[in-house]
N, C-alpha and C. Protein backbone atom coordinates (compact mmCIF):
# COMPACT_ATOMS: atom_id res chain seq x y z
N MET A 1 -14.88 13.93 13.68
CA MET A 1 -14.33 12.46 14.19
C MET A 1 -14.51 11.71 13.05
N ILE A 2 -13.17 10.86 13.08
CA ILE A 2 -12.75 9.60 12.16
C ILE A 2 -14.05 8.61 12.17
N LYS A 3 -14.51 8.00 11.29
CA LYS A 3 -15.45 7.11 11.15
C LYS A 3 -14.96 6.05 10.17
N LEU A 4 -14.17 6.14 9.32
CA LEU A 4 -13.64 5.00 8.58
C LEU A 4 -12.27 5.31 8.32
N ILE A 5 -11.47 4.13 8.42
CA ILE A 5 -10.19 4.13 7.90
C ILE A 5 -9.80 3.33 6.61
N ILE A 6 -8.89 4.02 5.86
CA ILE A 6 -8.62 3.25 4.74
C ILE A 6 -7.23 2.82 5.00
N PHE A 7 -6.96 1.36 4.87
CA PHE A 7 -5.60 0.89 5.06
C PHE A 7 -4.92 0.86 3.67
N ASP A 8 -3.59 1.00 3.51
CA ASP A 8 -2.74 0.56 2.63
C ASP A 8 -2.42 -0.78 2.86
N TYR A 9 -1.75 -1.74 2.22
CA TYR A 9 -1.36 -3.15 2.61
C TYR A 9 -0.13 -3.28 2.66
N ASP A 10 0.77 -3.19 1.57
CA ASP A 10 2.15 -3.26 1.85
C ASP A 10 2.77 -2.01 2.31
N GLY A 11 3.62 -2.42 3.35
CA GLY A 11 4.08 -1.30 4.09
C GLY A 11 3.64 -0.83 5.47
N VAL A 12 2.30 -1.19 5.42
CA VAL A 12 1.59 -0.70 6.59
C VAL A 12 0.85 -2.06 7.25
N ILE A 13 0.47 -3.05 6.56
CA ILE A 13 0.16 -4.28 6.99
C ILE A 13 1.04 -5.29 7.16
N VAL A 14 1.72 -5.52 5.91
CA VAL A 14 2.68 -6.44 5.60
C VAL A 14 3.99 -5.99 5.51
N ASP A 15 5.17 -6.53 5.98
CA ASP A 15 6.39 -6.35 5.68
C ASP A 15 6.94 -6.96 4.21
N SER A 16 6.62 -6.28 3.31
CA SER A 16 6.87 -7.00 1.87
C SER A 16 7.78 -6.61 1.07
N PHE A 17 8.69 -5.63 1.18
CA PHE A 17 9.66 -5.07 0.37
C PHE A 17 10.56 -6.17 -0.17
N ALA A 18 11.10 -6.99 0.74
CA ALA A 18 12.02 -7.98 0.52
C ALA A 18 11.85 -9.10 -0.31
N ASN A 19 10.05 -9.36 -0.07
CA ASN A 19 9.55 -10.32 -1.07
C ASN A 19 9.49 -9.62 -2.45
N VAL A 20 9.13 -8.49 -2.61
CA VAL A 20 8.89 -7.89 -3.95
C VAL A 20 10.16 -7.77 -4.53
N TYR A 21 11.24 -7.59 -3.87
CA TYR A 21 12.54 -7.61 -4.40
C TYR A 21 12.96 -9.01 -4.78
N ASP A 22 12.75 -10.10 -4.29
CA ASP A 22 12.84 -11.55 -4.69
C ASP A 22 11.92 -11.68 -6.07
N VAL A 23 10.71 -11.29 -6.07
CA VAL A 23 10.08 -11.48 -7.31
C VAL A 23 10.48 -10.68 -8.44
N TYR A 24 10.97 -9.39 -8.24
CA TYR A 24 11.62 -8.52 -9.33
C TYR A 24 12.99 -9.28 -9.73
N LYS A 25 13.71 -10.07 -8.83
CA LYS A 25 14.86 -10.79 -9.27
C LYS A 25 14.32 -11.88 -10.53
N ILE A 26 13.18 -12.23 -10.49
CA ILE A 26 12.72 -13.38 -11.23
C ILE A 26 12.33 -12.51 -12.61
N ILE A 27 11.58 -11.62 -12.50
CA ILE A 27 11.43 -10.42 -13.53
C ILE A 27 12.49 -9.90 -14.13
N PHE A 28 13.49 -9.63 -13.70
CA PHE A 28 14.77 -9.18 -14.33
C PHE A 28 15.42 -10.44 -15.34
N LYS A 29 15.33 -11.52 -14.63
CA LYS A 29 15.98 -12.61 -15.19
C LYS A 29 15.21 -13.03 -16.45
N LYS A 30 13.94 -13.22 -16.18
CA LYS A 30 13.09 -13.43 -17.50
C LYS A 30 12.83 -12.55 -18.79
N LEU A 31 13.24 -11.13 -18.29
CA LEU A 31 13.42 -10.12 -19.34
C LEU A 31 14.67 -9.81 -19.66
N ASN A 32 15.91 -10.59 -19.23
CA ASN A 32 17.05 -10.30 -19.70
C ASN A 32 17.73 -8.91 -19.19
N LYS A 33 17.45 -8.49 -17.96
CA LYS A 33 17.68 -7.29 -17.45
C LYS A 33 18.82 -7.44 -16.18
N GLU A 34 19.50 -6.56 -15.91
CA GLU A 34 20.60 -6.45 -14.85
C GLU A 34 19.85 -6.51 -13.46
N CYS A 35 20.12 -7.43 -12.67
CA CYS A 35 19.34 -7.26 -11.26
C CYS A 35 20.19 -6.52 -10.36
N PRO A 36 19.61 -5.37 -9.60
CA PRO A 36 20.51 -4.99 -8.63
C PRO A 36 20.85 -5.93 -7.55
N LYS A 37 22.20 -5.38 -7.08
CA LYS A 37 22.70 -6.57 -6.32
C LYS A 37 22.38 -6.52 -4.80
N SER A 38 21.54 -5.58 -4.38
CA SER A 38 21.14 -5.62 -2.97
C SER A 38 19.93 -4.92 -2.91
N LEU A 39 19.38 -5.18 -1.92
CA LEU A 39 17.86 -4.60 -1.35
C LEU A 39 17.84 -2.97 -1.61
N GLU A 40 18.89 -2.42 -0.96
CA GLU A 40 18.93 -1.18 -0.97
C GLU A 40 19.07 -0.45 -2.37
N GLU A 41 19.92 -1.14 -3.32
CA GLU A 41 20.08 -0.73 -4.56
C GLU A 41 18.56 -0.78 -5.73
N PHE A 42 18.00 -2.02 -5.26
CA PHE A 42 16.74 -2.07 -5.77
C PHE A 42 15.89 -1.13 -5.22
N ARG A 43 15.75 -0.74 -4.10
CA ARG A 43 14.68 0.25 -3.68
C ARG A 43 15.20 1.82 -4.32
N GLN A 44 16.25 1.99 -4.87
CA GLN A 44 16.60 3.08 -5.46
C GLN A 44 16.04 3.20 -6.99
N ILE A 45 16.30 2.04 -7.60
CA ILE A 45 15.49 1.69 -8.82
C ILE A 45 14.05 1.44 -8.87
N TYR A 46 13.44 0.99 -7.83
CA TYR A 46 12.25 0.80 -7.85
C TYR A 46 11.58 2.17 -7.67
N GLY A 47 11.87 2.99 -6.70
CA GLY A 47 11.28 4.53 -6.59
C GLY A 47 9.98 4.43 -6.01
N THR A 48 8.98 4.98 -6.47
CA THR A 48 7.67 5.03 -5.71
C THR A 48 6.73 3.77 -6.19
N SER A 49 6.75 3.29 -7.36
CA SER A 49 5.95 2.17 -7.66
C SER A 49 6.67 1.53 -8.92
N SER A 50 5.72 0.54 -9.39
CA SER A 50 6.42 -0.44 -10.42
C SER A 50 6.45 0.34 -11.67
N SER A 51 5.39 1.42 -11.70
CA SER A 51 5.76 2.10 -13.24
C SER A 51 6.92 2.84 -13.10
N GLU A 52 7.34 3.47 -12.01
CA GLU A 52 8.63 4.16 -11.99
C GLU A 52 9.86 3.27 -12.20
N CYS A 53 9.62 1.85 -11.65
CA CYS A 53 10.74 1.08 -11.76
C CYS A 53 10.84 0.67 -13.28
N TYR A 54 10.05 0.65 -14.00
CA TYR A 54 9.91 -0.03 -15.27
C TYR A 54 10.38 1.25 -16.19
N GLY A 55 10.18 2.33 -15.69
CA GLY A 55 10.50 3.57 -16.47
C GLY A 55 12.02 3.74 -16.39
N HIS A 56 12.74 3.45 -15.30
CA HIS A 56 13.92 3.44 -15.10
C HIS A 56 14.82 2.48 -15.72
N LEU A 57 14.07 1.27 -16.36
CA LEU A 57 14.68 0.42 -16.89
C LEU A 57 14.32 0.28 -18.44
N ASN A 58 13.66 1.55 -19.02
CA ASN A 58 13.36 1.63 -20.30
C ASN A 58 12.57 0.53 -20.78
N LEU A 59 11.48 -0.14 -20.03
CA LEU A 59 10.88 -1.20 -20.52
C LEU A 59 9.77 -0.66 -21.64
N SER A 60 9.72 -1.72 -22.61
CA SER A 60 8.50 -1.53 -23.47
C SER A 60 7.35 -1.74 -22.85
N GLU A 61 5.98 -1.33 -23.50
CA GLU A 61 4.89 -1.82 -23.19
C GLU A 61 4.70 -3.41 -23.07
N GLN A 62 5.12 -3.92 -24.00
CA GLN A 62 5.25 -5.44 -24.13
C GLN A 62 5.94 -5.77 -22.86
N GLU A 63 7.15 -5.36 -22.65
CA GLU A 63 7.68 -5.88 -21.29
C GLU A 63 7.25 -5.65 -19.99
N ARG A 64 6.50 -4.58 -19.86
CA ARG A 64 5.95 -4.23 -18.66
C ARG A 64 4.67 -5.16 -18.49
N THR A 65 4.16 -5.54 -19.64
CA THR A 65 2.80 -6.19 -19.49
C THR A 65 3.50 -7.89 -18.89
N LYS A 66 4.49 -8.19 -19.57
CA LYS A 66 4.91 -9.31 -19.10
C LYS A 66 5.32 -9.56 -17.84
N GLY A 67 6.01 -8.32 -17.28
CA GLY A 67 6.38 -8.24 -15.61
C GLY A 67 5.47 -8.34 -14.71
N ASN A 68 4.31 -7.50 -15.25
CA ASN A 68 3.24 -7.69 -14.47
C ASN A 68 2.65 -8.84 -14.19
N GLU A 69 2.70 -9.71 -15.36
CA GLU A 69 1.99 -11.07 -15.51
C GLU A 69 2.85 -12.27 -14.33
N ILE A 70 4.17 -11.80 -14.68
CA ILE A 70 5.06 -12.46 -13.69
C ILE A 70 5.11 -12.12 -12.40
N PHE A 71 4.80 -10.87 -12.12
CA PHE A 71 4.61 -10.53 -10.69
C PHE A 71 3.36 -10.85 -9.78
N LYS A 72 2.29 -11.00 -10.70
CA LYS A 72 0.80 -11.55 -10.39
C LYS A 72 1.02 -12.95 -9.99
N GLU A 73 1.82 -13.63 -10.84
CA GLU A 73 2.03 -15.10 -10.54
C GLU A 73 2.95 -15.46 -9.42
N GLU A 74 3.99 -14.98 -9.20
CA GLU A 74 5.20 -15.11 -8.13
C GLU A 74 4.80 -14.42 -6.83
N ILE A 75 4.05 -13.50 -6.67
CA ILE A 75 3.87 -12.80 -5.64
C ILE A 75 3.03 -13.64 -4.56
N LEU A 76 2.07 -14.55 -5.15
CA LEU A 76 1.26 -15.53 -4.68
C LEU A 76 1.95 -16.46 -3.81
N LYS A 77 3.26 -16.63 -4.18
CA LYS A 77 4.27 -17.79 -3.60
C LYS A 77 4.77 -17.18 -2.45
N LYS A 78 4.87 -16.02 -2.32
CA LYS A 78 5.46 -15.50 -0.96
C LYS A 78 4.83 -15.46 0.24
N GLU A 79 5.55 -15.31 1.46
CA GLU A 79 4.63 -15.20 2.73
C GLU A 79 5.08 -13.96 3.34
N PRO A 80 4.69 -12.87 2.93
CA PRO A 80 5.24 -11.69 3.64
C PRO A 80 4.73 -11.68 5.06
N PRO A 81 5.68 -11.25 6.08
CA PRO A 81 5.10 -11.37 7.53
C PRO A 81 4.30 -10.02 8.03
N LEU A 82 3.40 -10.21 8.78
CA LEU A 82 2.91 -8.95 9.32
C LEU A 82 3.78 -8.16 10.12
N PHE A 83 3.50 -6.80 10.26
CA PHE A 83 4.44 -6.16 10.91
C PHE A 83 4.03 -6.45 12.43
N GLN A 84 4.85 -6.38 13.49
CA GLN A 84 4.44 -6.97 14.58
C GLN A 84 3.33 -5.88 15.40
N GLY A 85 2.31 -6.32 16.01
CA GLY A 85 1.32 -5.62 16.42
C GLY A 85 0.20 -5.03 15.54
N ILE A 86 0.19 -5.29 14.27
CA ILE A 86 -0.77 -4.77 13.52
C ILE A 86 -2.01 -5.42 13.44
N ALA A 87 -1.85 -6.95 13.51
CA ALA A 87 -3.28 -7.53 13.69
C ALA A 87 -3.93 -7.00 14.84
N GLU A 88 -3.21 -6.93 16.09
CA GLU A 88 -3.99 -6.35 17.27
C GLU A 88 -4.52 -4.97 16.94
N VAL A 89 -4.07 -4.19 16.40
CA VAL A 89 -4.49 -2.62 15.92
C VAL A 89 -5.55 -2.88 15.30
N ILE A 90 -5.74 -3.63 14.14
CA ILE A 90 -6.79 -3.76 13.21
C ILE A 90 -8.07 -4.31 14.09
N GLN A 91 -7.74 -5.33 14.80
CA GLN A 91 -9.02 -5.76 15.66
C GLN A 91 -9.55 -4.74 16.48
N GLN A 92 -8.61 -3.96 17.05
CA GLN A 92 -9.23 -3.20 18.19
C GLN A 92 -9.95 -1.94 17.37
N LEU A 93 -9.36 -1.52 16.35
CA LEU A 93 -9.90 -0.37 15.41
C LEU A 93 -11.33 -0.79 14.95
N ASN A 94 -11.48 -1.86 14.47
CA ASN A 94 -12.66 -2.58 14.05
C ASN A 94 -13.84 -2.65 14.99
N LYS A 95 -13.57 -2.37 16.46
CA LYS A 95 -14.69 -2.38 17.35
C LYS A 95 -15.67 -1.04 17.42
N ASN A 96 -14.80 0.03 16.84
CA ASN A 96 -15.40 1.36 16.73
C ASN A 96 -15.36 2.09 15.47
N LEU A 97 -14.53 1.43 14.46
CA LEU A 97 -14.41 2.11 13.13
C LEU A 97 -14.76 1.30 12.16
N ARG A 98 -15.27 1.80 11.09
CA ARG A 98 -15.28 1.16 9.93
C ARG A 98 -14.00 1.05 9.22
N LEU A 99 -13.39 -0.24 8.57
CA LEU A 99 -12.35 -0.28 8.12
C LEU A 99 -12.35 -0.81 6.58
N ALA A 100 -11.60 0.00 5.91
CA ALA A 100 -11.22 -0.47 4.28
C ALA A 100 -9.84 -0.60 3.85
N LEU A 101 -9.83 -1.52 3.00
CA LEU A 101 -8.33 -1.70 2.32
C LEU A 101 -8.04 -1.34 0.98
N ILE A 102 -7.39 -0.69 0.58
CA ILE A 102 -7.20 -0.27 -0.88
C ILE A 102 -5.81 -0.21 -1.30
N SER A 103 -5.59 -1.28 -2.34
CA SER A 103 -3.93 -1.52 -2.44
C SER A 103 -3.91 -1.53 -4.02
N SER A 104 -2.83 -1.15 -4.41
CA SER A 104 -2.49 -1.20 -5.97
C SER A 104 -1.77 -2.65 -6.06
N ASN A 105 -1.70 -3.58 -5.23
CA ASN A 105 -1.22 -5.02 -5.31
C ASN A 105 -2.31 -5.58 -5.98
N TYR A 106 -2.25 -7.16 -6.16
CA TYR A 106 -3.32 -7.71 -6.76
C TYR A 106 -4.21 -8.38 -5.68
N GLU A 107 -5.47 -8.39 -5.99
CA GLU A 107 -6.62 -8.72 -5.15
C GLU A 107 -6.37 -10.17 -4.72
N GLY A 108 -6.03 -11.00 -5.44
CA GLY A 108 -5.65 -12.36 -5.00
C GLY A 108 -4.46 -12.54 -3.96
N GLU A 109 -3.51 -11.80 -4.23
CA GLU A 109 -2.58 -11.59 -3.13
C GLU A 109 -3.03 -11.14 -1.79
N VAL A 110 -3.89 -10.15 -1.85
CA VAL A 110 -4.20 -9.46 -0.77
C VAL A 110 -5.00 -10.17 0.03
N LYS A 111 -6.10 -10.76 -0.79
CA LYS A 111 -7.19 -11.41 0.12
C LYS A 111 -6.63 -12.94 0.44
N GLN A 112 -5.74 -13.25 -0.21
CA GLN A 112 -5.12 -14.69 0.40
C GLN A 112 -4.30 -14.74 1.55
N LYS A 113 -3.42 -13.21 1.52
CA LYS A 113 -2.73 -13.16 2.75
C LYS A 113 -3.61 -12.79 3.98
N LEU A 114 -4.67 -12.14 3.75
CA LEU A 114 -5.24 -11.58 5.07
C LEU A 114 -6.25 -12.67 5.32
N GLU A 115 -6.59 -13.53 4.83
CA GLU A 115 -7.38 -14.70 5.10
C GLU A 115 -6.62 -15.63 5.80
N LYS A 116 -5.32 -15.88 5.39
CA LYS A 116 -4.26 -16.53 6.19
C LYS A 116 -4.10 -16.25 7.53
N LYS A 117 -3.98 -14.85 7.62
CA LYS A 117 -3.70 -14.09 9.02
C LYS A 117 -4.94 -13.95 9.88
N ASN A 118 -5.92 -14.61 9.23
CA ASN A 118 -7.34 -14.13 9.94
C ASN A 118 -7.70 -12.59 10.22
N LEU A 119 -7.44 -12.00 9.10
CA LEU A 119 -7.76 -10.76 9.32
C LEU A 119 -8.86 -10.07 8.29
N ILE A 120 -9.11 -10.96 7.15
CA ILE A 120 -10.07 -10.44 6.04
C ILE A 120 -11.37 -10.18 6.58
N ASP A 121 -11.89 -10.60 7.79
CA ASP A 121 -13.05 -10.24 8.12
C ASP A 121 -13.29 -8.99 9.03
N PHE A 122 -12.27 -8.22 9.20
CA PHE A 122 -12.16 -7.09 9.87
C PHE A 122 -12.35 -5.76 8.92
N PHE A 123 -12.29 -6.19 7.61
CA PHE A 123 -12.40 -4.84 6.60
C PHE A 123 -13.88 -5.11 6.04
N ASP A 124 -14.48 -4.02 5.96
CA ASP A 124 -15.88 -3.74 5.30
C ASP A 124 -15.73 -4.04 3.80
N ILE A 125 -14.30 -3.45 3.32
CA ILE A 125 -14.42 -3.64 1.80
C ILE A 125 -12.82 -3.59 1.62
N ILE A 126 -12.51 -4.52 0.46
CA ILE A 126 -11.06 -4.64 0.23
C ILE A 126 -11.06 -4.10 -1.42
N VAL A 127 -10.33 -3.42 -1.72
CA VAL A 127 -10.23 -2.99 -3.34
C VAL A 127 -8.83 -3.11 -3.89
N ALA A 128 -8.75 -3.78 -4.73
CA ALA A 128 -7.16 -3.98 -5.26
C ALA A 128 -7.11 -4.27 -6.72
N ARG A 129 -5.93 -4.51 -7.44
CA ARG A 129 -5.85 -4.63 -8.77
C ARG A 129 -6.33 -5.87 -9.01
N THR A 130 -7.08 -6.24 -10.09
CA THR A 130 -7.70 -7.49 -10.36
C THR A 130 -6.82 -8.44 -11.46
N ASN A 131 -6.36 -7.68 -12.50
CA ASN A 131 -5.52 -8.29 -13.43
C ASN A 131 -4.40 -7.42 -13.94
N SER A 132 -3.32 -8.09 -14.56
CA SER A 132 -2.03 -7.34 -14.98
C SER A 132 -2.19 -6.24 -16.08
N LYS A 133 -3.31 -6.23 -16.75
CA LYS A 133 -3.52 -5.44 -17.88
C LYS A 133 -4.44 -4.19 -17.49
N GLU A 134 -5.26 -4.30 -16.58
CA GLU A 134 -6.02 -3.13 -16.10
C GLU A 134 -5.33 -1.72 -15.73
N ARG A 135 -5.92 -0.59 -15.91
CA ARG A 135 -5.25 0.39 -15.52
C ARG A 135 -5.87 0.77 -13.92
N PHE A 136 -5.11 0.68 -13.03
CA PHE A 136 -5.73 0.85 -11.49
C PHE A 136 -4.92 2.06 -10.92
N THR A 137 -5.65 3.18 -10.36
CA THR A 137 -5.13 3.94 -9.50
C THR A 137 -5.91 3.89 -8.18
N LYS A 138 -4.96 4.19 -7.04
CA LYS A 138 -5.62 4.33 -5.95
C LYS A 138 -6.56 5.44 -5.78
N THR A 139 -6.23 6.64 -6.52
CA THR A 139 -7.06 7.86 -6.55
C THR A 139 -8.50 7.35 -6.76
N ASP A 140 -8.57 6.92 -7.83
CA ASP A 140 -10.02 6.44 -8.56
C ASP A 140 -10.52 5.59 -7.53
N ALA A 141 -9.96 4.63 -6.76
CA ALA A 141 -10.55 3.66 -5.78
C ALA A 141 -10.86 4.33 -4.73
N ILE A 142 -10.22 5.50 -4.22
CA ILE A 142 -10.38 6.03 -2.93
C ILE A 142 -11.46 7.16 -2.93
N LYS A 143 -11.64 7.64 -4.33
CA LYS A 143 -12.66 8.57 -4.65
C LYS A 143 -14.07 7.50 -4.74
N LYS A 144 -14.10 6.42 -5.08
CA LYS A 144 -15.23 5.70 -5.02
C LYS A 144 -15.66 5.40 -3.83
N GLU A 145 -14.82 5.01 -2.86
CA GLU A 145 -14.96 4.50 -1.46
C GLU A 145 -15.42 5.69 -0.68
N ILE A 146 -14.80 6.96 -0.90
CA ILE A 146 -15.73 8.16 -0.35
C ILE A 146 -17.25 8.44 -0.57
N GLU A 147 -17.46 8.24 -1.95
CA GLU A 147 -18.78 8.39 -2.14
C GLU A 147 -19.71 7.27 -1.95
N ASN A 148 -19.24 5.93 -1.75
CA ASN A 148 -19.87 4.70 -1.42
C ASN A 148 -20.06 4.80 0.25
N SER A 149 -19.35 5.57 0.71
CA SER A 149 -19.28 5.28 2.28
C SER A 149 -20.20 6.26 2.74
N GLY A 150 -20.77 7.39 2.12
CA GLY A 150 -21.68 8.14 2.74
C GLY A 150 -21.35 9.25 3.52
N LEU A 151 -19.92 9.22 3.91
CA LEU A 151 -19.27 10.13 4.92
C LEU A 151 -18.75 11.51 4.39
N ASN A 152 -18.46 12.24 5.08
CA ASN A 152 -17.54 13.48 4.53
C ASN A 152 -16.31 13.08 4.46
N GLN A 153 -15.52 13.88 3.81
CA GLN A 153 -14.04 13.60 3.50
C GLN A 153 -13.48 13.64 5.00
N GLU A 154 -13.67 14.48 5.99
CA GLU A 154 -13.11 14.79 7.10
C GLU A 154 -13.35 13.64 8.03
N GLU A 155 -14.44 12.94 7.77
CA GLU A 155 -14.55 11.68 8.84
C GLU A 155 -13.54 10.48 8.07
N ILE A 156 -12.92 10.62 7.11
CA ILE A 156 -11.98 9.62 6.65
C ILE A 156 -10.49 9.81 6.76
N LEU A 157 -9.87 8.68 7.21
CA LEU A 157 -8.50 8.75 7.45
C LEU A 157 -7.80 7.56 6.67
N LEU A 158 -6.93 8.14 5.88
CA LEU A 158 -6.11 6.95 4.96
C LEU A 158 -4.86 6.94 5.85
N ILE A 159 -4.41 5.77 5.98
CA ILE A 159 -3.26 5.51 6.48
C ILE A 159 -2.26 4.82 5.37
N GLY A 160 -1.12 5.25 5.13
CA GLY A 160 0.06 4.76 4.20
C GLY A 160 1.38 4.72 4.63
N ASP A 161 2.37 4.67 3.65
CA ASP A 161 3.75 4.66 3.97
C ASP A 161 4.56 5.23 3.12
N ARG A 162 4.04 5.83 2.03
CA ARG A 162 4.93 6.45 1.10
C ARG A 162 4.35 7.72 0.38
N ASN A 163 5.07 8.54 -0.08
CA ASN A 163 4.91 9.62 -0.88
C ASN A 163 3.51 9.47 -1.78
N LEU A 164 3.68 8.31 -2.61
CA LEU A 164 2.53 8.13 -3.54
C LEU A 164 1.04 7.88 -2.87
N ASP A 165 1.24 7.31 -1.52
CA ASP A 165 0.02 7.34 -0.70
C ASP A 165 -0.67 8.66 -0.53
N PHE A 166 0.28 9.59 -0.16
CA PHE A 166 -0.12 10.99 0.18
C PHE A 166 -0.63 11.66 -1.14
N ILE A 167 0.03 11.63 -2.15
CA ILE A 167 -0.28 12.01 -3.48
C ILE A 167 -1.62 11.65 -3.76
N GLU A 168 -1.87 10.32 -4.12
CA GLU A 168 -3.07 9.79 -4.40
C GLU A 168 -4.23 10.07 -3.67
N GLY A 169 -4.13 9.97 -2.19
CA GLY A 169 -4.94 10.20 -1.19
C GLY A 169 -5.56 11.74 -1.38
N SER A 170 -4.50 12.58 -1.55
CA SER A 170 -4.73 14.15 -1.63
C SER A 170 -5.48 14.32 -3.08
N ARG A 171 -5.24 13.82 -4.05
CA ARG A 171 -5.92 13.84 -5.41
C ARG A 171 -7.31 13.33 -5.32
N ALA A 172 -7.79 12.52 -4.36
CA ALA A 172 -8.99 11.96 -4.09
C ALA A 172 -9.75 13.03 -3.50
N GLY A 173 -9.14 14.02 -2.70
CA GLY A 173 -9.65 14.82 -1.98
C GLY A 173 -9.61 14.72 -0.33
N LEU A 174 -8.62 13.68 0.13
CA LEU A 174 -8.76 13.51 1.40
C LEU A 174 -7.70 14.45 1.98
N LYS A 175 -8.00 15.09 3.07
CA LYS A 175 -7.29 15.88 4.15
C LYS A 175 -6.61 15.06 5.16
N ASN A 176 -7.26 14.18 5.78
CA ASN A 176 -6.68 13.32 6.67
C ASN A 176 -5.78 12.15 6.11
N ILE A 177 -4.65 12.29 6.21
CA ILE A 177 -3.58 11.14 5.72
C ILE A 177 -2.34 10.91 6.70
N LEU A 178 -2.40 9.73 7.04
CA LEU A 178 -1.31 9.38 8.13
C LEU A 178 -0.26 8.45 7.50
N LEU A 179 1.08 8.87 7.43
CA LEU A 179 2.06 7.98 7.02
C LEU A 179 3.04 7.41 7.95
N VAL A 180 2.98 6.05 8.00
CA VAL A 180 3.72 5.53 8.96
C VAL A 180 5.33 5.44 8.70
N ASP A 181 6.07 5.32 9.75
CA ASP A 181 7.47 5.59 9.56
C ASP A 181 8.17 4.04 9.62
N TYR A 182 7.26 3.07 9.65
CA TYR A 182 8.07 1.75 9.63
C TYR A 182 7.81 0.86 8.46
N GLY A 183 7.38 1.57 7.44
CA GLY A 183 6.92 1.00 6.20
C GLY A 183 8.18 1.06 4.93
N TRP A 184 7.50 1.12 3.93
CA TRP A 184 8.45 1.47 2.59
C TRP A 184 9.33 2.80 2.72
N GLY A 185 8.84 3.64 3.18
CA GLY A 185 9.47 4.61 3.23
C GLY A 185 9.01 6.07 2.63
N TYR A 186 9.19 7.14 3.31
CA TYR A 186 8.58 8.44 2.48
C TYR A 186 9.52 9.48 2.71
N HIS A 187 9.24 10.57 2.00
CA HIS A 187 10.39 11.82 1.95
C HIS A 187 9.73 13.09 2.40
N LEU A 188 9.85 13.78 3.29
CA LEU A 188 9.08 15.04 3.65
C LEU A 188 9.31 15.79 2.91
N GLU A 189 10.51 16.10 2.55
CA GLU A 189 11.10 17.24 1.83
C GLU A 189 10.25 17.32 0.33
N GLU A 190 9.65 16.17 0.11
CA GLU A 190 9.00 16.07 -1.19
C GLU A 190 7.61 16.21 -1.25
N MET A 191 7.06 16.52 -0.03
CA MET A 191 5.56 16.70 0.09
C MET A 191 5.32 17.89 1.03
N PRO A 192 5.24 19.21 0.50
CA PRO A 192 5.28 20.12 1.29
C PRO A 192 3.77 20.34 1.74
N GLY A 193 3.16 19.59 1.05
CA GLY A 193 1.43 19.85 1.58
C GLY A 193 1.42 18.97 2.60
N TYR A 194 2.10 17.88 2.91
CA TYR A 194 1.81 16.90 4.04
C TYR A 194 1.80 17.41 5.34
N GLU A 195 0.99 17.21 6.05
CA GLU A 195 0.79 17.73 7.47
C GLU A 195 1.02 16.55 8.48
N GLN A 196 2.34 16.54 9.26
CA GLN A 196 2.80 15.19 9.76
C GLN A 196 2.26 15.47 11.07
N LYS A 197 0.99 15.11 11.70
CA LYS A 197 0.56 15.14 12.96
C LYS A 197 1.12 14.19 13.84
N ALA A 198 1.65 13.13 13.38
CA ALA A 198 2.19 12.04 14.19
C ALA A 198 3.49 11.23 13.68
N ILE A 199 4.40 11.15 14.36
CA ILE A 199 5.46 9.79 14.15
C ILE A 199 4.86 8.52 14.46
N VAL A 200 4.88 7.64 13.65
CA VAL A 200 4.47 6.19 13.73
C VAL A 200 5.43 5.23 13.58
N LYS A 201 6.27 5.06 14.72
CA LYS A 201 7.41 4.14 14.28
C LYS A 201 7.10 2.55 14.56
N SER A 202 5.59 2.11 14.85
CA SER A 202 5.31 0.61 15.23
C SER A 202 3.96 0.77 15.11
N PRO A 203 3.38 -0.09 14.68
CA PRO A 203 1.98 -0.31 14.44
C PRO A 203 1.00 0.23 15.85
N ILE A 204 1.50 -0.23 16.69
CA ILE A 204 0.69 0.01 17.96
C ILE A 204 0.62 1.56 18.30
N GLU A 205 1.39 2.49 17.72
CA GLU A 205 1.29 3.77 17.92
C GLU A 205 0.20 4.48 17.04
N ILE A 206 -0.42 3.57 16.00
CA ILE A 206 -1.31 4.04 15.21
C ILE A 206 -2.61 4.38 16.14
N ILE A 207 -2.71 3.85 17.07
CA ILE A 207 -4.08 3.95 17.95
C ILE A 207 -4.07 5.36 18.35
N GLU A 208 -2.83 5.69 18.89
CA GLU A 208 -2.84 7.10 19.39
C GLU A 208 -2.81 8.21 18.38
N ALA A 209 -2.31 7.93 17.36
CA ALA A 209 -1.96 8.84 16.24
C ALA A 209 -3.28 9.27 15.82
N ILE A 210 -4.19 8.22 15.51
CA ILE A 210 -5.60 8.46 15.12
C ILE A 210 -6.26 9.37 15.80
N LYS A 211 -5.95 9.52 17.02
CA LYS A 211 -6.78 10.78 17.83
C LYS A 211 -6.51 11.78 17.63
N LYS A 212 -5.07 12.25 17.06
CA LYS A 212 -5.03 13.53 16.61
C LYS A 212 -5.71 14.14 15.49
N PHE A 213 -6.36 13.26 15.01
CA PHE A 213 -7.40 13.75 13.58
C PHE A 213 -8.69 13.89 14.22
N ASP A 214 -9.10 13.70 15.33
CA ASP A 214 -10.41 14.03 15.82
C ASP A 214 -10.52 15.44 16.01
């Protein structure tokens, strides 16, 4: 039986990809790089993470550090909307389950937005990147939360929206992973080990999807 749910932030709770694109327009300009002309073009360049994006642009370590610093500053100025219904889902799940949030986004951004949306108190723990220079992986953060929870891995469910969420959750030892279909997007053909127990096209469908893991 599931007792703890670990949420991703971007693409599961907030609809933030357009905001991320706007921030990268600033990054590209300050680094004298050509900016993708459309959101879909940027999606192709961004790939699965900022590291992949920087790789596609052949950025130096110095440029990557500057890009991360710009992102940390500029993302705080954005107001990504909640996906419709996700607030109600979080509140309902909190009645019977422990909730955690682990994100590779910056802690200041995540906590600021959750507090504004009156959702921060529904999470027992929030783990995110604290600065632009640290090495942060969700795999390590998930492993630590598994250890701290005192639960078996079978009692924990990770909810994400990208291939990377499945990869990092699997590396941490989790078997119960749910990828939602309304987020940033994932590709089943690239995840032969992913068991798609449910298709979640809107946040409200998370409630029923979780039951398939019990």
